[in-house]
C-alpha cells in the first residue's frame, strides 16, 4: 500500500493506493474520490 498526500486550500488530503500493476475501475474511482480529484483532471496527467 502507498499513502499519498497533497496540500490543498481546504487542508491536507490523503488517500491509500494499492501497490498493484493494475487497478479495477471501481477502485480507481474510489481513490480519486478520496483524493478529491475529478476524473477529467486525472486524465490530464496520463
Protein backbone atom coordinates (compact mmCIF):
# COMPACT_ATOMS: atom_id res chain seq x y z
CA UNK A 1 0.00 0.00 0.00
CA UNK A 2 1.06 3.53 -0.73
CA UNK A 3 -0.15 6.57 1.18
CA UNK A 4 -0.38 9.72 -0.92
CA UNK A 5 -0.94 13.18 0.48
CA UNK A 6 -1.46 16.59 -1.09
CA UNK A 7 -1.80 20.05 0.34
CA UNK A 8 -4.94 21.83 -0.86
CA UNK A 9 -6.62 25.09 0.13
CA UNK A 10 -9.01 23.10 2.35
CA UNK A 11 -6.09 21.34 4.13
CA UNK A 12 -4.19 18.09 3.73
CA UNK A 13 -5.89 15.38 1.70
CA UNK A 14 -4.62 11.81 1.96
CA UNK A 15 -5.54 8.52 0.37
CA UNK A 16 -4.24 4.95 0.35
CA UNK A 17 -3.43 3.36 -3.01
CA UNK A 18 -2.83 -0.38 -3.52
CA UNK A 19 0.63 -1.09 -4.95
CA UNK A 20 -0.58 -3.19 -7.92
CA UNK A 21 0.28 -3.06 -11.61
CA UNK A 22 -3.40 -2.69 -12.48
CA UNK A 23 -6.41 -1.38 -10.59
CA UNK A 24 -10.05 -2.16 -11.19
CA UNK A 25 -12.07 0.79 -12.44
CA UNK A 26 -14.16 0.97 -9.26
CA UNK A 27 -11.02 1.02 -7.11
CA UNK A 28 -9.53 3.83 -9.18
CA UNK A 29 -12.74 5.86 -8.96
CA UNK A 30 -12.83 5.40 -5.17
CA UNK A 31 -9.19 6.54 -4.89
CA UNK A 32 -9.94 9.64 -6.99
CA UNK A 33 -12.97 10.42 -4.83
CA UNK A 34 -10.94 10.12 -1.60
CA UNK A 35 -8.23 12.33 -3.14
CA UNK A 36 -10.90 14.85 -4.19
CA UNK A 37 -9.66 14.67 -7.76
CA UNK A 38 -12.02 14.73 -10.73
CA UNK A 39 -11.63 12.02 -13.40
CA UNK A 40 -11.12 14.74 -16.02
CA UNK A 41 -8.23 16.23 -14.03
CA UNK A 42 -6.67 12.79 -13.55
CA UNK A 43 -6.88 12.11 -17.30
CA UNK A 44 -4.77 15.24 -17.92
CA UNK A 45 -1.82 13.52 -16.16
CA UNK A 46 -1.80 10.44 -18.39
